[in-house]
Amino acid sequence: MATEVLEQIADEPRLTRRRAPIEEFWALPESPLHIEYINGEIVMAPSPTVAHQSLARNVFRALDKFVSRETRGALFFSPLDVALPSGDVVQPDIFYLSEGDAKQATKDNRVRCAPIFAVEILSPGSITHDTITKRALYEKNGVREYWIVDVEKRSIAQLVLHKKHYTLTELGEREVIRGAVLAGFEMNVGELIGL
């Protein structure tokens, strides 16, 4: 498996990165592009594929149905900047804010906190970025639950924060994923990602 991941990483397109002060990032015009600010660099990614967007839609719909019925928080989707406590700015594919954080984001018209739940959907150019860089960033900033959805493997890596470090559960398409942050949410992985 490790060799397979290394081969995928070697073949993936490179993200465009450029060192810049945070002020330059915030001065960029509003854009539908996927642009983040991580470790002092502006990081731009190509637009998502049709498969990525279809999968994101399926996951968002299932989660939003649950969130609307069972919680007082709010679910959001990319592109939307999330300014983390570390000073980095990310755009998770899907993320959940508690009721208080959602109200503050609405008031400020910006998200200035770590979401408590985030989902990233792998694309050919985002494997390293989502599985290594963003995993470490989300862990450092206290994102309590992080899903990495792999359309090729038809699986979800569910990472749950315990004592400042993630524990990983890998779930295949025939298994059931149960939310940790969104307690009570459960669904077959294959059905969730629309296989």
C-alpha atoms as a PDB file:
ATOM      1  CA  MET A   1       0.000   0.000   0.000  1.00  0.00           C
ATOM      2  CA  ALA A   2       2.828   2.439   0.850  1.00  0.00           C
ATOM      3  CA  THR A   3       4.390   1.895  -2.588  1.00  0.00           C
ATOM      4  CA  GLU A   4       1.007   2.551  -4.235  1.00  0.00           C
ATOM      5  CA  VAL A   5       0.629   5.861  -2.357  1.00  0.00           C
ATOM      6  CA  LEU A   6       4.195   6.920  -3.264  1.00  0.00           C
ATOM      7  CA  GLU A   7       3.523   6.155  -6.941  1.00  0.00           C
ATOM      8  CA  GLN A   8       0.308   8.218  -6.810  1.00  0.00           C
ATOM      9  CA  ILE A   9       2.163  11.124  -5.192  1.00  0.00           C
ATOM     10  CA  ALA A  10       4.953  10.977  -7.800  1.00  0.00           C
ATOM     11  CA  ASP A  11       2.386  11.087 -10.639  1.00  0.00           C
ATOM     12  CA  GLU A  12       0.103  13.805  -9.279  1.00  0.00           C
ATOM     13  CA  PRO A  13       0.097  17.277 -10.827  1.00  0.00           C
ATOM     14  CA  ARG A  14       1.840  19.911  -8.770  1.00  0.00           C
ATOM     15  CA  LEU A  15      -0.060  22.616  -6.968  1.00  0.00           C
ATOM     16  CA  THR A  16       1.098  26.135  -7.737  1.00  0.00           C
ATOM     17  CA  ARG A  17       2.823  27.616  -4.676  1.00  0.00           C
ATOM     18  CA  ARG A  18       4.298  31.043  -4.059  1.00  0.00           C
ATOM     19  CA  ARG A  19       5.703  32.623  -0.909  1.00  0.00           C
ATOM     20  CA  ALA A  20       3.746  35.718   0.059  1.00  0.00           C
ATOM     21  CA  PRO A  21       2.683  37.675   3.121  1.00  0.00           C
ATOM     22  CA  ILE A  22      -0.855  37.045   4.375  1.00  0.00           C
ATOM     23  CA  GLU A  23      -1.821  40.604   3.377  1.00  0.00           C
ATOM     24  CA  GLU A  24      -1.230  39.681  -0.262  1.00  0.00           C
ATOM     25  CA  PHE A  25      -3.529  36.666   0.100  1.00  0.00           C
ATOM     26  CA  TRP A  26      -6.341  38.784   1.602  1.00  0.00           C
ATOM     27  CA  ALA A  27      -5.892  41.375  -1.182  1.00  0.00           C
ATOM     28  CA  LEU A  28      -6.679  38.817  -3.903  1.00  0.00           C
ATOM     29  CA  PRO A  29      -9.984  39.443  -5.697  1.00  0.00           C
ATOM     30  CA  GLU A  30     -12.944  37.172  -4.987  1.00  0.00           C
ATOM     31  CA  SER A  31     -12.532  34.084  -7.126  1.00  0.00           C
ATOM     32  CA  PRO A  32     -14.118  30.689  -7.750  1.00  0.00           C
ATOM     33  CA  LEU A  33     -10.601  29.201  -7.797  1.00  0.00           C
ATOM     34  CA  HIS A  34      -9.329  26.984  -5.014  1.00  0.00           C
ATOM     35  CA  ILE A  35      -6.734  29.260  -3.373  1.00  0.00           C
ATOM     36  CA  GLU A  36      -5.351  28.670   0.122  1.00  0.00           C
ATOM     37  CA  TYR A  37      -2.666  30.217   2.313  1.00  0.00           C
ATOM     38  CA  ILE A  38      -0.577  27.548   4.033  1.00  0.00           C
ATOM     39  CA  ASN A  39       2.773  27.873   5.784  1.00  0.00           C
ATOM     40  CA  GLY A  40       3.399  31.328   4.307  1.00  0.00           C
ATOM     41  CA  GLU A  41       2.595  30.306   0.731  1.00  0.00           C
ATOM     42  CA  ILE A  42      -0.318  31.035  -1.570  1.00  0.00           C
ATOM     43  CA  VAL A  43      -1.368  27.615  -2.883  1.00  0.00           C
ATOM     44  CA  MET A  44      -3.519  27.382  -6.014  1.00  0.00           C
ATOM     45  CA  ALA A  45      -5.072  24.158  -7.259  1.00  0.00           C
ATOM     46  CA  PRO A  46      -6.710  23.330 -10.566  1.00  0.00           C
ATOM     47  CA  SER A  47     -10.505  23.253 -10.573  1.00  0.00           C
ATOM     48  CA  PRO A  48     -12.090  19.989  -9.421  1.00  0.00           C
ATOM     49  CA  THR A  49     -13.093  17.201 -11.782  1.00  0.00           C
ATOM     50  CA  VAL A  50     -16.680  16.231 -12.518  1.00  0.00           C
ATOM     51  CA  ALA A  51     -16.224  13.078 -10.392  1.00  0.00           C
ATOM     52  CA  HIS A  52     -14.961  15.210  -7.488  1.00  0.00           C
ATOM     53  CA  GLN A  53     -17.915  17.590  -7.701  1.00  0.00           C
ATOM     54  CA  SER A  54     -20.467  14.766  -8.015  1.00  0.00           C
ATOM     55  CA  LEU A  55     -19.006  13.067  -4.972  1.00  0.00           C
ATOM     56  CA  ALA A  56     -18.919  16.345  -3.014  1.00  0.00           C
ATOM     57  CA  ARG A  57     -22.577  16.932  -3.876  1.00  0.00           C
ATOM     58  CA  ASN A  58     -23.578  13.442  -2.683  1.00  0.00           C
ATOM     59  CA  VAL A  59     -21.689  13.748   0.606  1.00  0.00           C
ATOM     60  CA  PHE A  60     -22.946  17.297   1.215  1.00  0.00           C
ATOM     61  CA  ARG A  61     -26.582  16.341   0.587  1.00  0.00           C
ATOM     62  CA  ALA A  62     -26.457  13.414   3.013  1.00  0.00           C
ATOM     63  CA  LEU A  63     -24.692  15.414   5.726  1.00  0.00           C
ATOM     64  CA  ASP A  64     -26.859  18.516   5.224  1.00  0.00           C
ATOM     65  CA  LYS A  65     -30.048  16.492   5.580  1.00  0.00           C
ATOM     66  CA  PHE A  66     -28.776  15.208   8.943  1.00  0.00           C
ATOM     67  CA  VAL A  67     -27.410  18.596  10.102  1.00  0.00           C
ATOM     68  CA  SER A  68     -30.659  20.415   9.227  1.00  0.00           C
ATOM     69  CA  ARG A  69     -32.720  17.893  11.164  1.00  0.00           C
ATOM     70  CA  GLU A  70     -30.469  17.067  14.130  1.00  0.00           C
ATOM     71  CA  THR A  71     -28.185  20.025  14.947  1.00  0.00           C
ATOM     72  CA  ARG A  72     -28.168  23.783  15.357  1.00  0.00           C
ATOM     73  CA  GLY A  73     -24.843  24.209  13.569  1.00  0.00           C
ATOM     74  CA  ALA A  74     -24.281  24.800   9.863  1.00  0.00           C
ATOM     75  CA  LEU A  75     -22.654  22.937   6.997  1.00  0.00           C
ATOM     76  CA  PHE A  76     -20.678  24.827   4.322  1.00  0.00           C
ATOM     77  CA  PHE A  77     -18.844  23.896   1.112  1.00  0.00           C
ATOM     78  CA  SER A  78     -15.945  25.152  -0.978  1.00  0.00           C
ATOM     79  CA  PRO A  79     -15.020  27.693  -2.145  1.00  0.00           C
ATOM     80  CA  LEU A  80     -15.179  29.475   1.206  1.00  0.00           C
ATOM     81  CA  ASP A  81     -12.097  30.682   3.089  1.00  0.00           C
ATOM     82  CA  VAL A  82     -11.562  29.337   6.589  1.00  0.00           C
ATOM     83  CA  ALA A  83      -9.016  31.371   8.578  1.00  0.00           C
ATOM     84  CA  LEU A  84      -7.538  28.931  11.100  1.00  0.00           C
ATOM     85  CA  PRO A  85      -6.105  29.970  14.490  1.00  0.00           C
ATOM     86  CA  SER A  86      -2.604  29.135  13.143  1.00  0.00           C
ATOM     87  CA  GLY A  87      -2.929  31.948  10.559  1.00  0.00           C
ATOM     88  CA  ASP A  88      -3.335  29.546   7.641  1.00  0.00           C
ATOM     89  CA  VAL A  89      -6.357  29.872   5.348  1.00  0.00           C
ATOM     90  CA  VAL A  90      -7.923  26.750   3.843  1.00  0.00           C
ATOM     91  CA  GLN A  91     -10.964  25.819   1.786  1.00  0.00           C
ATOM     92  CA  PRO A  92     -12.257  22.440   2.946  1.00  0.00           C
ATOM     93  CA  ASP A  93     -14.552  20.762   0.421  1.00  0.00           C
ATOM     94  CA  ILE A  94     -17.213  20.482   3.158  1.00  0.00           C
ATOM     95  CA  PHE A  95     -17.111  21.639   6.776  1.00  0.00           C
ATOM     96  CA  TYR A  96     -19.337  22.014   9.812  1.00  0.00           C
ATOM     97  CA  LEU A  97     -19.442  24.872  12.314  1.00  0.00           C
ATOM     98  CA  SER A  98     -21.114  24.787  15.712  1.00  0.00           C
ATOM     99  CA  GLU A  99     -24.101  27.072  16.210  1.00  0.00           C
ATOM    100  CA  GLY A 100     -22.005  29.787  17.894  1.00  0.00           C
ATOM    101  CA  ASP A 101     -19.247  29.690  15.274  1.00  0.00           C
ATOM    102  CA  ALA A 102     -21.815  29.737  12.442  1.00  0.00           C
ATOM    103  CA  LYS A 103     -23.511  32.827  13.917  1.00  0.00           C
ATOM    104  CA  GLN A 104     -20.147  34.583  14.294  1.00  0.00           C
ATOM    105  CA  ALA A 105     -19.194  33.709  10.695  1.00  0.00           C
ATOM    106  CA  THR A 106     -22.499  35.131   9.467  1.00  0.00           C
ATOM    107  CA  LYS A 107     -21.940  38.309  11.486  1.00  0.00           C
ATOM    108  CA  ASP A 108     -18.303  38.732  10.288  1.00  0.00           C
ATOM    109  CA  ASN A 109     -19.036  37.431   6.781  1.00  0.00           C
ATOM    110  CA  ARG A 110     -15.879  35.310   7.249  1.00  0.00           C
ATOM    111  CA  VAL A 111     -15.000  32.057   8.960  1.00  0.00           C
ATOM    112  CA  ARG A 112     -12.304  32.864  11.534  1.00  0.00           C
ATOM    113  CA  CYS A 113     -12.080  29.597  13.447  1.00  0.00           C
ATOM    114  CA  ALA A 114     -11.305  25.940  12.974  1.00  0.00           C
ATOM    115  CA  PRO A 115     -14.349  23.953  11.916  1.00  0.00           C
ATOM    116  CA  ILE A 116     -15.085  21.038  14.217  1.00  0.00           C
ATOM    117  CA  PHE A 117     -15.636  18.714  11.249  1.00  0.00           C
ATOM    118  CA  ALA A 118     -14.091  18.817   7.748  1.00  0.00           C
ATOM    119  CA  VAL A 119     -14.229  16.704   4.608  1.00  0.00           C
ATOM    120  CA  GLU A 120     -11.700  16.692   1.772  1.00  0.00           C
ATOM    121  CA  ILE A 121     -12.252  14.739  -1.430  1.00  0.00           C
ATOM    122  CA  LEU A 122      -9.080  13.542  -3.099  1.00  0.00           C
ATOM    123  CA  SER A 123      -8.286  14.736  -6.605  1.00  0.00           C
ATOM    124  CA  PRO A 124      -5.279  13.657  -8.683  1.00  0.00           C
ATOM    125  CA  GLY A 125      -3.447  16.845  -7.670  1.00  0.00           C
ATOM    126  CA  SER A 126      -4.426  16.893  -4.002  1.00  0.00           C
ATOM    127  CA  ILE A 127      -3.327  13.536  -2.564  1.00  0.00           C
ATOM    128  CA  THR A 128      -0.258  14.814  -0.695  1.00  0.00           C
ATOM    129  CA  HIS A 129      -1.918  18.118   0.148  1.00  0.00           C
ATOM    130  CA  ASP A 130      -5.015  16.493   1.702  1.00  0.00           C
ATOM    131  CA  THR A 131      -3.439  13.422   3.316  1.00  0.00           C
ATOM    132  CA  ILE A 132      -0.293  15.006   4.738  1.00  0.00           C
ATOM    133  CA  THR A 133      -0.310  18.826   4.724  1.00  0.00           C
ATOM    134  CA  LYS A 134      -3.967  19.411   5.578  1.00  0.00           C
ATOM    135  CA  ARG A 135      -4.136  16.461   7.936  1.00  0.00           C
ATOM    136  CA  ALA A 136      -1.318  17.984  10.013  1.00  0.00           C
ATOM    137  CA  LEU A 137      -2.877  21.449   9.784  1.00  0.00           C
ATOM    138  CA  TYR A 138      -6.322  20.251  10.869  1.00  0.00           C
ATOM    139  CA  GLU A 139      -4.844  18.221  13.713  1.00  0.00           C
ATOM    140  CA  LYS A 140      -2.764  21.210  14.905  1.00  0.00           C
ATOM    141  CA  ASN A 141      -5.807  23.529  14.794  1.00  0.00           C
ATOM    142  CA  GLY A 142      -8.117  21.158  16.658  1.00  0.00           C
ATOM    143  CA  VAL A 143     -10.482  20.012  13.890  1.00  0.00           C
ATOM    144  CA  ARG A 144     -12.170  17.234  15.853  1.00  0.00           C
ATOM    145  CA  GLU A 145     -13.122  15.029  12.913  1.00  0.00           C
ATOM    146  CA  TYR A 146     -11.667  14.892   9.404  1.00  0.00           C
ATOM    147  CA  TRP A 147     -12.803  12.673   6.536  1.00  0.00           C
ATOM    148  CA  ILE A 148     -10.622  12.037   3.498  1.00  0.00           C
ATOM    149  CA  VAL A 149     -12.815  10.633   0.730  1.00  0.00           C
ATOM    150  CA  ASP A 150     -11.089   8.622  -2.005  1.00  0.00           C
ATOM    151  CA  VAL A 151     -13.240   8.190  -5.126  1.00  0.00           C
ATOM    152  CA  GLU A 152     -10.739   5.802  -6.753  1.00  0.00           C
ATOM    153  CA  LYS A 153     -10.586   3.422  -3.781  1.00  0.00           C
ATOM    154  CA  ARG A 154     -14.252   4.048  -2.925  1.00  0.00           C
ATOM    155  CA  SER A 155     -13.332   4.591   0.685  1.00  0.00           C
ATOM    156  CA  ILE A 156     -13.256   7.121   3.507  1.00  0.00           C
ATOM    157  CA  ALA A 157     -10.420   7.647   5.966  1.00  0.00           C
ATOM    158  CA  GLN A 158     -12.095   8.891   9.162  1.00  0.00           C
ATOM    159  CA  LEU A 159      -9.750  10.735  11.515  1.00  0.00           C
ATOM    160  CA  VAL A 160     -10.989  11.597  14.995  1.00  0.00           C
ATOM    161  CA  LEU A 161      -9.014  13.812  17.381  1.00  0.00           C
ATOM    162  CA  HIS A 162      -8.027  12.150  20.677  1.00  0.00           C
ATOM    163  CA  LYS A 163      -5.609  13.956  23.010  1.00  0.00           C
ATOM    164  CA  LYS A 164      -4.380  16.306  20.238  1.00  0.00           C
ATOM    165  CA  HIS A 165      -3.702  13.480  17.729  1.00  0.00           C
ATOM    166  CA  TYR A 166      -5.837  11.779  15.132  1.00  0.00           C
ATOM    167  CA  THR A 167      -6.854   8.147  15.286  1.00  0.00           C
ATOM    168  CA  LEU A 168      -7.571   6.672  11.874  1.00  0.00           C
ATOM    169  CA  THR A 169     -10.331   4.327  10.777  1.00  0.00           C
ATOM    170  CA  GLU A 170     -10.346   3.291   7.112  1.00  0.00           C
ATOM    171  CA  LEU A 171     -13.763   2.374   5.777  1.00  0.00           C
ATOM    172  CA  GLY A 172     -14.536   0.620   2.494  1.00  0.00           C
ATOM    173  CA  GLU A 173     -17.656   0.950   0.375  1.00  0.00           C
ATOM    174  CA  ARG A 174     -19.484  -1.903   2.160  1.00  0.00           C
ATOM    175  CA  GLU A 175     -18.866  -0.514   5.647  1.00  0.00           C
ATOM    176  CA  VAL A 176     -20.880   1.983   7.687  1.00  0.00           C
ATOM    177  CA  ILE A 177     -19.423   5.324   8.714  1.00  0.00           C
ATOM    178  CA  ARG A 178     -20.650   6.775  12.004  1.00  0.00           C
ATOM    179  CA  GLY A 179     -20.103  10.433  12.775  1.00  0.00           C
ATOM    180  CA  ALA A 180     -18.108  11.339  15.859  1.00  0.00           C
ATOM    181  CA  VAL A 181     -18.820  15.080  15.803  1.00  0.00           C
ATOM    182  CA  LEU A 182     -22.170  14.611  14.086  1.00  0.00           C
ATOM    183  CA  ALA A 183     -23.230  11.976  16.602  1.00  0.00           C
ATOM    184  CA  GLY A 184     -26.116   9.911  15.299  1.00  0.00           C
ATOM    185  CA  PHE A 185     -25.129  10.227  11.635  1.00  0.00           C
ATOM    186  CA  GLU A 186     -24.484   6.848  10.072  1.00  0.00           C
ATOM    187  CA  MET A 187     -24.554   5.646   6.521  1.00  0.00           C
ATOM    188  CA  ASN A 188     -23.108   2.971   4.277  1.00  0.00           C
ATOM    189  CA  VAL A 189     -19.949   4.390   2.654  1.00  0.00           C
ATOM    190  CA  GLY A 190     -20.915   3.215  -0.843  1.00  0.00           C
ATOM    191  CA  GLU A 191     -24.332   4.830  -0.536  1.00  0.00           C
ATOM    192  CA  LEU A 192     -22.861   8.034   0.913  1.00  0.00           C
ATOM    193  CA  ILE A 193     -20.437   8.573  -1.906  1.00  0.00           C
ATOM    194  CA  GLY A 194     -22.992   7.541  -4.510  1.00  0.00           C
ATOM    195  CA  LEU A 195     -21.412   4.441  -5.966  1.00  0.00           C
END
